[in-house]
Amino acid sequence: MSCFFHPQLDCPPVGSCLAAVEKAVAETDVAAVLPLGRQHSLLNIINVLIQKLGHLIHIYLPKVLQILLCVTASVSTLLDNR
């Protein structure tokens, strides 16, 4: 399957991001996760990587998006269960 923004790139199947997010929410264990401050630091590192690599990371953007969605879903679940 090709991406709508770049026809030569392979994207994960449409439902895979939703399935990954649902799995992240279902498997989030409050006692076994990194503290939210450290997760925030990891997100900042990903931001710096995206800024520094620029156009070189475009091949990996679908996977990076999926990772960011899963981290965001996990953090949201943690904050809801506080």
N, C-alpha and C. Protein backbone atom coordinates (compact mmCIF):
# COMPACT_ATOMS: atom_id res chain seq x y z
N MET A 1 0.85 -1.18 0.00
CA MET A 1 0.00 0.00 0.00
C MET A 1 0.89 1.23 0.00
N SER A 2 0.58 2.20 -0.82
CA SER A 2 1.38 3.41 -0.87
C SER A 2 0.69 4.53 -0.09
N CYS A 3 1.52 5.45 0.37
CA CYS A 3 1.00 6.59 1.13
C CYS A 3 0.38 7.61 0.20
N PHE A 4 -0.60 8.34 0.70
CA PHE A 4 -1.24 9.36 -0.11
C PHE A 4 -0.32 10.54 -0.35
N PHE A 5 0.64 10.78 0.54
CA PHE A 5 1.51 11.94 0.38
C PHE A 5 2.78 11.59 -0.39
N HIS A 6 3.09 10.32 -0.54
CA HIS A 6 4.26 9.91 -1.30
C HIS A 6 4.01 8.51 -1.84
N PRO A 7 3.63 8.38 -3.09
CA PRO A 7 3.19 7.09 -3.63
C PRO A 7 4.24 6.00 -3.62
N GLN A 8 5.52 6.32 -3.50
CA GLN A 8 6.55 5.30 -3.52
C GLN A 8 6.86 4.74 -2.14
N LEU A 9 6.30 5.30 -1.10
CA LEU A 9 6.56 4.83 0.25
C LEU A 9 5.53 3.78 0.66
N ASP A 10 6.00 2.81 1.40
CA ASP A 10 5.09 1.83 1.96
C ASP A 10 4.63 2.31 3.33
N CYS A 11 3.33 2.32 3.52
CA CYS A 11 2.74 2.73 4.80
C CYS A 11 2.17 1.51 5.49
N PRO A 12 2.08 1.58 6.82
CA PRO A 12 1.40 0.48 7.50
C PRO A 12 -0.06 0.47 7.09
N PRO A 13 -0.71 -0.69 7.17
CA PRO A 13 -2.13 -0.75 6.83
C PRO A 13 -2.93 0.26 7.63
N VAL A 14 -4.04 0.69 7.06
CA VAL A 14 -4.84 1.77 7.64
C VAL A 14 -5.23 1.48 9.08
N GLY A 15 -5.65 0.26 9.39
CA GLY A 15 -6.10 -0.06 10.73
C GLY A 15 -5.00 -0.36 11.72
N SER A 16 -3.74 -0.42 11.26
CA SER A 16 -2.67 -0.82 12.17
C SER A 16 -2.39 0.21 13.24
N CYS A 17 -2.52 1.50 12.93
CA CYS A 17 -2.31 2.53 13.94
C CYS A 17 -3.40 2.45 15.01
N LEU A 18 -4.63 2.29 14.57
CA LEU A 18 -5.74 2.17 15.52
C LEU A 18 -5.56 0.94 16.38
N ALA A 19 -5.19 -0.18 15.78
CA ALA A 19 -4.99 -1.41 16.55
C ALA A 19 -3.84 -1.25 17.54
N ALA A 20 -2.76 -0.58 17.12
CA ALA A 20 -1.62 -0.37 18.01
C ALA A 20 -2.00 0.53 19.18
N VAL A 21 -2.79 1.56 18.91
CA VAL A 21 -3.22 2.47 19.99
C VAL A 21 -4.14 1.73 20.96
N GLU A 22 -5.07 0.96 20.44
CA GLU A 22 -5.97 0.20 21.31
C GLU A 22 -5.19 -0.80 22.16
N LYS A 23 -4.17 -1.43 21.58
CA LYS A 23 -3.34 -2.37 22.33
C LYS A 23 -2.54 -1.64 23.40
N ALA A 24 -2.01 -0.46 23.07
CA ALA A 24 -1.24 0.32 24.05
C ALA A 24 -2.11 0.72 25.23
N VAL A 25 -3.35 1.11 24.96
CA VAL A 25 -4.27 1.50 26.03
C VAL A 25 -4.62 0.28 26.89
N ALA A 26 -4.89 -0.85 26.24
CA ALA A 26 -5.29 -2.05 26.97
C ALA A 26 -4.15 -2.62 27.81
N GLU A 27 -2.91 -2.48 27.33
CA GLU A 27 -1.78 -3.10 28.03
C GLU A 27 -1.00 -2.13 28.90
N THR A 28 -1.48 -0.92 29.09
CA THR A 28 -0.79 0.04 29.95
C THR A 28 -0.94 -0.39 31.40
N ASP A 29 0.20 -0.67 32.03
CA ASP A 29 0.23 -1.05 33.44
C ASP A 29 0.81 0.12 34.22
N VAL A 30 0.00 0.69 35.10
CA VAL A 30 0.39 1.91 35.82
C VAL A 30 1.66 1.68 36.63
N ALA A 31 1.85 0.46 37.15
CA ALA A 31 3.01 0.19 37.99
C ALA A 31 4.27 -0.09 37.19
N ALA A 32 4.16 -0.32 35.90
CA ALA A 32 5.32 -0.76 35.11
C ALA A 32 5.75 0.23 34.04
N VAL A 33 5.32 1.48 34.11
CA VAL A 33 5.69 2.44 33.07
C VAL A 33 6.73 3.42 33.59
N LEU A 34 7.40 4.08 32.66
CA LEU A 34 8.31 5.15 33.03
C LEU A 34 7.51 6.32 33.61
N PRO A 35 8.11 7.04 34.54
CA PRO A 35 7.41 8.25 35.03
C PRO A 35 7.13 9.20 33.88
N LEU A 36 6.06 9.96 34.03
CA LEU A 36 5.63 10.85 32.94
C LEU A 36 6.70 11.88 32.57
N GLY A 37 7.49 12.32 33.54
CA GLY A 37 8.56 13.27 33.24
C GLY A 37 9.59 12.69 32.30
N ARG A 38 9.94 11.43 32.50
CA ARG A 38 10.90 10.77 31.61
C ARG A 38 10.30 10.53 30.24
N GLN A 39 9.01 10.21 30.19
CA GLN A 39 8.35 10.05 28.90
C GLN A 39 8.34 11.37 28.14
N HIS A 40 8.16 12.46 28.87
CA HIS A 40 8.20 13.79 28.26
C HIS A 40 9.58 14.05 27.67
N SER A 41 10.62 13.64 28.39
CA SER A 41 11.99 13.80 27.88
C SER A 41 12.21 12.99 26.61
N LEU A 42 11.66 11.78 26.56
CA LEU A 42 11.78 10.95 25.36
C LEU A 42 11.09 11.61 24.16
N LEU A 43 9.94 12.21 24.42
CA LEU A 43 9.24 12.91 23.34
C LEU A 43 10.05 14.10 22.84
N ASN A 44 10.73 14.78 23.75
CA ASN A 44 11.59 15.89 23.35
C ASN A 44 12.75 15.40 22.49
N ILE A 45 13.30 14.23 22.83
CA ILE A 45 14.39 13.65 22.03
C ILE A 45 13.89 13.31 20.63
N ILE A 46 12.70 12.74 20.53
CA ILE A 46 12.13 12.42 19.21
C ILE A 46 11.93 13.70 18.42
N ASN A 47 11.51 14.77 19.08
CA ASN A 47 11.34 16.06 18.40
C ASN A 47 12.67 16.56 17.84
N VAL A 48 13.73 16.47 18.63
CA VAL A 48 15.05 16.92 18.17
C VAL A 48 15.52 16.06 16.99
N LEU A 49 15.29 14.75 17.06
CA LEU A 49 15.68 13.88 15.95
C LEU A 49 14.96 14.26 14.67
N ILE A 50 13.67 14.51 14.77
CA ILE A 50 12.90 14.89 13.58
C ILE A 50 13.42 16.21 13.02
N GLN A 51 13.72 17.17 13.89
CA GLN A 51 14.23 18.45 13.43
C GLN A 51 15.60 18.33 12.79
N LYS A 52 16.48 17.53 13.37
CA LYS A 52 17.85 17.40 12.86
C LYS A 52 17.92 16.57 11.58
N LEU A 53 17.10 15.52 11.49
CA LEU A 53 17.16 14.66 10.31
C LEU A 53 16.37 15.21 9.14
N GLY A 54 15.39 16.03 9.44
CA GLY A 54 14.62 16.69 8.39
C GLY A 54 14.05 15.74 7.36
N HIS A 55 14.40 15.97 6.11
CA HIS A 55 13.84 15.18 5.01
C HIS A 55 14.35 13.74 4.99
N LEU A 56 15.43 13.44 5.70
CA LEU A 56 15.98 12.08 5.71
C LEU A 56 15.09 11.09 6.46
N ILE A 57 14.20 11.60 7.30
CA ILE A 57 13.36 10.73 8.11
C ILE A 57 12.01 10.44 7.45
N HIS A 58 11.75 11.01 6.28
CA HIS A 58 10.42 10.88 5.67
C HIS A 58 10.02 9.43 5.43
N ILE A 59 10.98 8.55 5.21
CA ILE A 59 10.66 7.14 4.99
C ILE A 59 10.06 6.51 6.25
N TYR A 60 10.51 6.99 7.41
CA TYR A 60 10.11 6.39 8.68
C TYR A 60 8.95 7.11 9.35
N LEU A 61 8.43 8.15 8.73
CA LEU A 61 7.37 8.94 9.36
C LEU A 61 6.12 8.13 9.74
N PRO A 62 5.65 7.19 8.92
CA PRO A 62 4.48 6.42 9.35
C PRO A 62 4.73 5.64 10.65
N LYS A 63 5.91 5.06 10.79
CA LYS A 63 6.23 4.31 12.01
C LYS A 63 6.41 5.26 13.18
N VAL A 64 7.03 6.41 12.95
CA VAL A 64 7.21 7.41 14.02
C VAL A 64 5.84 7.90 14.49
N LEU A 65 4.93 8.13 13.55
CA LEU A 65 3.58 8.55 13.91
C LEU A 65 2.91 7.48 14.78
N GLN A 66 3.06 6.22 14.39
CA GLN A 66 2.45 5.15 15.16
C GLN A 66 3.04 5.10 16.58
N ILE A 67 4.34 5.26 16.71
CA ILE A 67 4.97 5.27 18.03
C ILE A 67 4.46 6.44 18.86
N LEU A 68 4.39 7.61 18.26
CA LEU A 68 3.91 8.79 18.99
C LEU A 68 2.45 8.64 19.42
N LEU A 69 1.63 8.07 18.55
CA LEU A 69 0.23 7.83 18.91
C LEU A 69 0.12 6.86 20.09
N CYS A 70 0.93 5.82 20.08
CA CYS A 70 0.90 4.84 21.17
C CYS A 70 1.37 5.45 22.49
N VAL A 71 2.44 6.24 22.42
CA VAL A 71 2.93 6.90 23.64
C VAL A 71 1.88 7.87 24.17
N THR A 72 1.27 8.62 23.28
CA THR A 72 0.23 9.57 23.69
C THR A 72 -0.96 8.85 24.31
N ALA A 73 -1.38 7.75 23.72
CA ALA A 73 -2.50 6.97 24.27
C ALA A 73 -2.14 6.42 25.64
N SER A 74 -0.92 5.94 25.79
CA SER A 74 -0.48 5.41 27.07
C SER A 74 -0.47 6.49 28.15
N VAL A 75 0.07 7.65 27.80
CA VAL A 75 0.12 8.78 28.76
C VAL A 75 -1.31 9.23 29.12
N SER A 76 -2.17 9.28 28.14
CA SER A 76 -3.55 9.67 28.40
C SER A 76 -4.22 8.68 29.35
N THR A 77 -3.96 7.40 29.15
CA THR A 77 -4.52 6.38 30.05
C THR A 77 -3.97 6.55 31.46
N LEU A 78 -2.67 6.82 31.58
CA LEU A 78 -2.08 7.03 32.89
C LEU A 78 -2.68 8.23 33.60
N LEU A 79 -2.87 9.31 32.86
CA LEU A 79 -3.44 10.51 33.47
C LEU A 79 -4.89 10.30 33.86
N ASP A 80 -5.63 9.50 33.09
CA ASP A 80 -7.02 9.20 33.43
C ASP A 80 -7.12 8.35 34.70
N ASN A 81 -6.11 7.51 34.93
CA ASN A 81 -6.14 6.60 36.08
C ASN A 81 -5.45 7.17 37.31
N ARG A 82 -5.03 8.42 37.26
CA ARG A 82 -4.38 9.03 38.43
C ARG A 82 -5.36 9.26 39.53
